[in-house]
Protein backbone atom coordinates (compact mmCIF):
# COMPACT_ATOMS: atom_id res chain seq x y z
CA UNK A 1 16.89 3.94 -27.50
CA UNK A 2 14.70 1.32 -26.00
CA UNK A 3 11.13 0.35 -27.24
CA UNK A 4 8.49 0.70 -24.68
CA UNK A 5 5.09 -0.96 -25.04
CA UNK A 6 2.31 0.37 -22.76
CA UNK A 7 -0.77 -1.97 -22.31
CA UNK A 8 -3.78 -0.27 -20.86
CA UNK A 9 -6.44 -2.08 -18.70
CA UNK A 10 -8.75 -2.29 -21.66
CA UNK A 11 -6.08 -3.94 -23.93
CA UNK A 12 -4.97 -0.96 -25.98
CA UNK A 13 -1.21 -1.06 -26.90
CA UNK A 14 0.80 2.10 -27.12
CA UNK A 15 4.44 2.21 -28.41
CA UNK A 16 7.14 4.75 -27.81
CA UNK A 17 10.90 5.01 -27.42
CA UNK A 18 12.95 6.08 -24.43
CA UNK A 19 16.68 6.57 -23.87
CA UNK A 20 18.44 5.01 -20.83
CA UNK A 21 18.64 8.31 -19.20
CA UNK A 22 15.06 9.44 -19.40
CA UNK A 23 12.08 8.03 -17.47
CA UNK A 24 9.11 6.20 -19.09
CA UNK A 25 6.96 9.10 -18.01
CA UNK A 26 9.18 11.67 -19.69
CA UNK A 27 9.30 9.59 -22.87
CA UNK A 28 5.49 9.30 -22.91
CA UNK A 29 5.06 12.98 -22.49
CA UNK A 30 7.61 13.67 -25.29
CA UNK A 31 5.45 11.38 -27.46
CA UNK A 32 2.34 13.32 -26.59
CA UNK A 33 0.92 10.79 -24.10
CA UNK A 34 0.22 12.38 -20.73
CA UNK A 35 -0.19 9.50 -18.20
CA UNK A 36 -1.75 10.01 -14.80
CA UNK A 37 0.95 11.59 -12.60
CA UNK A 38 1.54 14.28 -10.03
CA UNK A 39 4.65 14.57 -7.97
CA UNK A 40 7.27 13.32 -10.42
CA UNK A 41 9.39 12.12 -7.65
CA UNK A 42 8.11 8.72 -6.80
CA UNK A 43 6.28 9.47 -3.72
CA UNK A 44 2.47 9.96 -4.72
CA UNK A 45 2.07 6.61 -6.54
CA UNK A 46 -0.25 8.06 -9.26
CA UNK A 47 1.96 6.92 -12.12
CA UNK A 48 2.81 3.57 -10.76
CA UNK A 49 2.46 0.54 -13.11
CA UNK A 50 3.71 -3.07 -13.43
CA UNK A 51 6.86 -3.76 -15.71
CA UNK A 52 6.13 -7.31 -17.00
CA UNK A 53 9.01 -7.62 -19.24
CA UNK A 54 12.43 -5.97 -19.64
CA UNK A 55 15.18 -4.40 -17.51
CA UNK A 56 15.23 -0.98 -15.97
CA UNK A 57 16.82 1.22 -13.24
CA UNK A 58 15.26 3.76 -10.98
CA UNK A 59 16.26 7.26 -10.85
CA UNK A 60 17.67 7.93 -7.48
CA UNK A 61 18.60 4.38 -6.82
CA UNK A 62 16.61 1.22 -5.75
CA UNK A 63 13.49 1.36 -3.61
CA UNK A 64 10.97 -1.17 -2.42
CA UNK A 65 8.19 -1.95 -4.93
CA UNK A 66 4.59 -1.70 -3.98
CA UNK A 67 2.68 -4.77 -2.63
CA UNK A 68 1.41 -5.50 -6.14
CA UNK A 69 4.87 -5.00 -7.75
CA UNK A 70 4.10 -1.62 -9.30
CA UNK A 71 6.90 0.99 -9.69
CA UNK A 72 6.60 4.65 -10.35
CA UNK A 73 7.09 5.36 -13.99
CA UNK A 74 8.41 8.90 -13.18
CA UNK A 75 11.61 7.20 -11.93
CA UNK A 76 11.70 4.13 -14.33
CA UNK A 77 14.51 4.36 -16.82
CA UNK A 78 14.56 1.43 -19.42
CA UNK A 79 17.78 -0.47 -19.96
CA UNK A 80 16.10 -2.70 -22.56
CA UNK A 81 12.75 -3.01 -24.31
CA UNK A 82 10.01 -2.90 -21.79
CA UNK A 83 6.41 -4.09 -21.59
CA UNK A 84 4.40 -2.15 -19.05
CA UNK A 85 0.84 -2.90 -17.89
CA UNK A 86 -1.08 0.25 -16.89
CA UNK A 87 -3.86 0.04 -14.16
CA UNK A 88 -6.37 2.21 -16.23
CA UNK A 89 -8.01 2.32 -19.53
CA UNK A 90 -6.83 4.10 -22.61
CA UNK A 91 -9.31 6.88 -21.83
CA UNK A 92 -7.28 7.61 -18.70
CA UNK A 93 -4.44 8.88 -20.83
CA UNK A 94 -4.65 12.51 -22.02
CA UNK A 95 -3.41 13.80 -25.28
CA UNK A 96 -2.83 17.22 -23.84
CA UNK A 97 -0.60 18.59 -21.02
CA UNK A 98 -2.39 19.41 -17.77
CA UNK A 99 -3.19 23.08 -17.58
CA UNK A 100 -2.09 25.46 -14.82
CA UNK A 101 -4.44 27.95 -13.37
CA UNK A 102 -4.61 30.58 -10.59
CA UNK A 103 -7.14 30.97 -7.96
CA UNK A 104 -8.16 33.01 -4.92
CA UNK A 105 -9.07 31.56 -1.60
CA UNK A 106 -12.72 32.39 -1.06
CA UNK A 107 -13.15 30.57 2.32
CA UNK A 108 -11.64 28.19 4.70
CA UNK A 109 -14.21 26.52 7.08
CA UNK A 110 -13.77 23.80 9.64
CA UNK A 111 -15.36 20.43 8.63
CA UNK A 112 -15.49 18.07 11.61
CA UNK A 113 -12.62 17.08 13.60
CA UNK A 114 -9.14 17.93 12.17
CA UNK A 115 -10.47 18.79 8.55
CA UNK A 116 -11.35 22.00 6.62
CA UNK A 117 -13.32 22.87 3.54
CA UNK A 118 -11.08 25.01 1.24
CA UNK A 119 -13.14 26.90 -1.40
CA UNK A 120 -11.24 28.59 -4.26
CA UNK A 121 -12.35 30.92 -7.09
CA UNK A 122 -10.47 30.47 -10.37
CA UNK A 123 -9.24 33.68 -11.91
CA UNK A 124 -10.19 34.42 -15.61
CA UNK A 125 -7.96 32.66 -17.94
CA UNK A 126 -7.43 33.62 -21.72
CA UNK A 127 -8.07 29.97 -22.80
CA UNK A 128 -10.35 28.58 -20.20
CA UNK A 129 -12.30 31.57 -19.00
CA UNK A 130 -13.64 31.14 -15.39
CA UNK A 131 -15.06 27.66 -15.82
CA UNK A 132 -14.18 24.90 -13.39
CA UNK A 133 -14.21 22.07 -15.87
CA UNK A 134 -13.37 18.60 -14.49
CA UNK A 135 -14.81 15.06 -14.15
CA UNK A 136 -16.18 14.15 -10.70
CA UNK A 137 -13.48 12.16 -8.88
CA UNK A 138 -10.52 14.14 -10.31
CA UNK A 139 -7.92 16.18 -8.28
CA UNK A 140 -5.99 19.34 -8.54
CA UNK A 141 -2.28 19.94 -7.64
CA UNK A 142 -2.20 22.95 -5.27
CA UNK A 143 1.07 24.92 -4.54
CA UNK A 144 1.73 26.91 -1.40
CA UNK A 145 2.28 30.61 -2.45
CA UNK A 146 5.93 31.52 -2.66
CA UNK A 147 7.25 27.84 -2.34
CA UNK A 148 7.70 24.81 -4.46
CA UNK A 149 5.56 22.75 -2.13
CA UNK A 150 2.76 20.96 -3.98
CA UNK A 151 -0.04 18.73 -2.82
CA UNK A 152 -2.78 16.90 -4.81
CA UNK A 153 -6.37 17.15 -3.43
CA UNK A 154 -9.51 15.72 -4.84
CA UNK A 155 -12.40 18.03 -5.73
CA UNK A 156 -15.66 17.68 -3.78
CA UNK A 157 -18.01 19.78 -5.71
CA UNK A 158 -19.34 19.69 -9.28
CA UNK A 159 -18.03 21.30 -12.52
CA UNK A 160 -19.49 24.78 -12.92
CA UNK A 161 -19.25 27.92 -14.90
CA UNK A 162 -18.46 30.31 -12.14
CA UNK A 163 -15.02 28.82 -11.23
CA UNK A 164 -15.69 27.37 -7.81
CA UNK A 165 -13.46 24.62 -6.51
CA UNK A 166 -14.15 22.98 -3.26
CA UNK A 167 -11.80 20.54 -1.46
CA UNK A 168 -12.05 18.59 1.82
CA UNK A 169 -8.61 18.62 3.38
CA UNK A 170 -7.61 16.69 6.57
CA UNK A 171 -5.01 18.59 8.58
CA UNK A 172 -2.02 16.36 9.30
CA UNK A 173 -0.01 17.53 12.46
CA UNK A 174 3.38 18.69 11.06
CA UNK A 175 2.45 18.47 7.47
CA UNK A 176 3.78 21.41 5.37
CA UNK A 177 0.48 22.04 3.42
CA UNK A 178 -1.62 21.36 6.51
CA UNK A 179 0.41 23.85 8.75
CA UNK A 180 0.20 26.55 6.06
CA UNK A 181 -3.58 26.02 5.77
CA UNK A 182 -4.16 26.00 9.53
CA UNK A 183 -1.98 28.95 10.54
CA UNK A 184 -1.18 31.11 7.46
CA UNK A 185 -3.63 30.86 4.58
CA UNK A 186 -6.44 33.41 4.42
CA UNK A 187 -9.15 34.44 2.05
CA UNK A 188 -7.77 36.57 -0.75
CA UNK A 189 -4.52 34.60 -1.03
CA UNK A 190 -3.70 33.60 -4.63
CA UNK A 191 -2.73 29.98 -5.31
CA UNK A 192 -1.27 28.25 -8.35
CA UNK A 193 -3.17 25.02 -9.49
CA UNK A 194 -2.44 22.34 -12.00
CA UNK A 195 -5.21 20.21 -13.12
CA UNK A 196 -7.66 18.64 -13.40
CA UNK A 197 -6.04 15.34 -13.42
CA UNK A 198 -6.57 11.77 -12.23
CA UNK A 199 -8.37 8.55 -13.59
CA UNK A 200 -10.49 8.05 -10.53
CA UNK A 201 -13.88 8.61 -12.18
CA UNK A 202 -17.16 6.74 -12.57
CA UNK A 203 -17.76 4.04 -15.18
CA UNK A 204 -21.27 5.09 -16.13
CA UNK A 205 -21.54 2.41 -18.80
CA UNK A 206 -21.45 -0.37 -16.25
CA UNK A 207 -24.69 -1.94 -15.33
CA UNK A 208 -23.47 -3.22 -12.03
CA UNK A 209 -24.33 -1.84 -8.54
CA UNK A 210 -21.66 0.39 -7.09
CA UNK A 211 -19.99 0.53 -3.74
CA UNK A 212 -18.14 3.73 -2.80
CA UNK A 213 -15.77 3.30 0.01
CA UNK A 214 -13.79 6.24 1.58
CA UNK A 215 -12.05 7.27 4.64
CA UNK A 216 -10.62 10.66 5.92
CA UNK A 217 -10.52 13.09 3.03
CA UNK A 218 -10.87 10.26 0.72
CA UNK A 219 -14.53 11.17 1.00
CA UNK A 220 -14.06 14.24 -1.23
CA UNK A 221 -14.09 12.49 -4.56
CA UNK A 222 -16.84 10.24 -3.55
CA UNK A 223 -18.88 13.22 -2.55
CA UNK A 224 -18.31 14.81 -6.08
CA UNK A 225 -19.38 11.59 -7.68
CA UNK A 226 -22.57 11.29 -5.56
CA UNK A 227 -23.47 14.94 -6.29
CA UNK A 228 -23.02 14.21 -10.02
CA UNK A 229 -25.31 11.13 -9.69
CA UNK A 230 -27.88 13.15 -7.78
CA UNK A 231 -27.75 15.94 -10.44
CA UNK A 232 -28.67 13.39 -13.07
CA UNK A 233 -31.24 11.50 -11.12
CA UNK A 234 -29.33 8.33 -11.19
CA UNK A 235 -31.28 5.22 -10.22
CA UNK A 236 -28.53 2.59 -10.17
CA UNK A 237 -28.16 0.91 -6.84
CA UNK A 238 -25.26 2.67 -4.88
CA UNK A 239 -23.91 1.91 -1.46
CA UNK A 240 -21.54 4.31 0.48
CA UNK A 241 -19.28 3.22 3.23
CA UNK A 242 -17.52 6.06 5.02
CA UNK A 243 -14.87 4.85 7.57
CA UNK A 244 -13.88 7.02 10.49
CA UNK A 245 -11.86 6.43 13.66
CA UNK A 246 -14.28 8.30 15.89
CA UNK A 247 -17.66 10.01 15.54
CA UNK A 248 -16.01 13.38 15.47
CA UNK A 249 -14.59 12.67 12.02
CA UNK A 250 -18.01 12.27 10.47
CA UNK A 251 -18.36 15.97 10.25
CA UNK A 252 -17.25 15.96 6.61
CA UNK A 253 -20.13 13.71 5.82
CA UNK A 254 -22.79 16.39 6.66
CA UNK A 255 -23.93 16.73 2.99
CA UNK A 256 -24.97 13.13 2.77
CA UNK A 257 -28.44 13.72 4.26
CA UNK A 258 -29.46 15.98 1.32
CA UNK A 259 -27.94 13.62 -1.26
CA UNK A 260 -29.76 10.52 0.20
CA UNK A 261 -33.05 12.44 -0.38
CA UNK A 262 -32.14 12.91 -4.05
CA UNK A 263 -30.89 9.34 -4.66
CA UNK A 264 -33.63 6.90 -3.76
CA UNK A 265 -31.36 3.84 -4.39
CA UNK A 266 -28.49 5.19 -2.21
CA UNK A 267 -27.73 3.40 1.00
CA UNK A 268 -25.16 4.67 3.63
CA UNK A 269 -23.07 3.14 6.18
CA UNK A 270 -20.87 5.24 8.52
CA UNK A 271 -18.37 2.78 10.05
CA UNK A 272 -16.71 4.00 13.23
CA UNK A 273 -13.65 2.04 14.45
CA UNK A 274 -13.51 3.34 18.07
CA UNK A 275 -16.91 4.88 18.92
CA UNK A 276 -18.04 6.20 22.27
CA UNK A 277 -20.64 4.55 24.37
CA UNK A 278 -24.13 5.04 22.94
CA UNK A 279 -23.10 4.87 19.26
CA UNK A 280 -25.77 2.87 17.40
CA UNK A 281 -24.16 2.73 13.88
CA UNK A 282 -21.80 0.26 12.44
CA UNK A 283 -18.77 -0.45 14.77
CA UNK A 284 -15.59 -1.42 12.87
CA UNK A 285 -13.50 -0.39 9.89
CA UNK A 286 -14.60 0.37 6.41
CA UNK A 287 -13.06 -2.90 5.48
CA UNK A 288 -15.29 -4.78 8.05
CA UNK A 289 -18.36 -2.88 6.77
CA UNK A 290 -17.48 -3.93 3.10
CA UNK A 291 -17.02 -7.57 4.15
CA UNK A 292 -20.44 -7.66 5.79
CA UNK A 293 -21.97 -6.01 2.73
CA UNK A 294 -20.42 -8.25 0.17
CA UNK A 295 -21.27 -11.34 2.17
CA UNK A 296 -24.95 -10.50 1.78
CA UNK A 297 -24.81 -9.22 -1.74
CA UNK A 298 -26.40 -11.21 -4.61
CA UNK A 299 -24.68 -9.50 -7.34
CA UNK A 300 -20.92 -8.54 -7.63
CA UNK A 301 -20.57 -4.71 -7.63
CA UNK A 302 -18.06 -2.22 -8.97
CA UNK A 303 -16.02 -0.82 -6.02
CA UNK A 304 -14.70 2.75 -5.92
CA UNK A 305 -12.12 3.30 -3.26
CA UNK A 306 -10.22 6.35 -2.00
CA UNK A 307 -8.49 6.90 1.30
CA UNK A 308 -5.20 6.51 3.25
CA UNK A 309 -2.95 3.54 2.55
CA UNK A 310 -4.01 1.19 5.21
CA UNK A 311 -7.72 1.61 4.39
CA UNK A 312 -6.82 0.96 0.74
CA UNK A 313 -4.96 -2.11 1.48
CA UNK A 314 -7.52 -3.59 3.90
CA UNK A 315 -10.52 -2.86 1.56
CA UNK A 316 -8.76 -4.19 -1.46
CA UNK A 317 -7.81 -7.43 0.41
CA UNK A 318 -11.52 -7.92 1.31
CA UNK A 319 -12.67 -7.32 -2.13
CA UNK A 320 -10.00 -9.74 -3.60
CA UNK A 321 -10.85 -12.44 -1.00
CA UNK A 322 -14.50 -12.27 -2.22
CA UNK A 323 -13.64 -12.70 -5.85
CA UNK A 324 -14.12 -9.18 -7.04
CA UNK A 325 -11.98 -8.85 -10.28
CA UNK A 326 -9.30 -6.19 -10.03
CA UNK A 327 -10.72 -4.49 -13.16
CA UNK A 328 -13.90 -3.81 -11.06
CA UNK A 329 -11.89 -1.93 -8.25
CA UNK A 330 -11.28 1.64 -9.02
CA UNK A 331 -9.05 3.32 -6.61
CA UNK A 332 -6.96 6.44 -5.69
CA UNK A 333 -4.84 7.05 -2.60
CA UNK A 334 -5.25 10.31 -0.91
CA UNK A 335 -2.21 12.49 -0.31
CA UNK A 336 -2.34 14.17 3.05
CA UNK A 337 0.71 16.21 4.17
């Protein structure tokens, strides 16, 4: 057995033991520590962390590490004592397994170009009742009926007692879940869900201004966060940057007008990379819009970031170049397939 030391972003040290044939994620769960994770096959990136000391192998063979050197803990098998730095605080580790629920499709509605709003109604559960209990910013793992195909999608609505779950899902051509959603799914279908999960949530103890940056259906968790802030009458300065390739993709941002009326200190920038003639908003990427905003800011903000990989990389690079500490960049990559 190898000793594993997990160090959270806020400095907590958690110790456990793992054999050479089990992964760090499996060993953690056996010890009652449920780290953020979803696919368990090394593709979603949610369990990735940096091994700073020790030797390991990866289940399934070698693979390229992420740009920051992080590896998926669902594949990491220790060959010696390991020290691992986790990119989230101790509060991001659950002491309980993630629950599984069933839900019925209530509605599927188009939301701008190439996206849909999927609304589900949770079925009554002996332990949880009908309540949709989650923290704004979290996601659910959804399974296509009759298959083992699972995808993680962030929730766009607020926690509620009637069991309503709302997702903004971008339809990817050829994607398994996207194809099922576009051509087969219908109201009344019953789905299996696992969640809520995820560490992408607001730090409401921070006194700093916030910048929320999203692209594609990375807007969903930001919308849930904004709805939460509006519900509580938040007065902290908050700036939203929503990045789109064309104006047609801005359809998912329709709820922003109502939210702006409820949040007097909310400012909004819709950045369109390739607009048509006559566009009078910001022209460029979300990263370009962030650079412009930070260059004129007098106080370093906290940044909340969710979107596809290229957007994440570009925005993170802009934030790093302008001296935003990594601990103030909260992020989660969307999974669209």
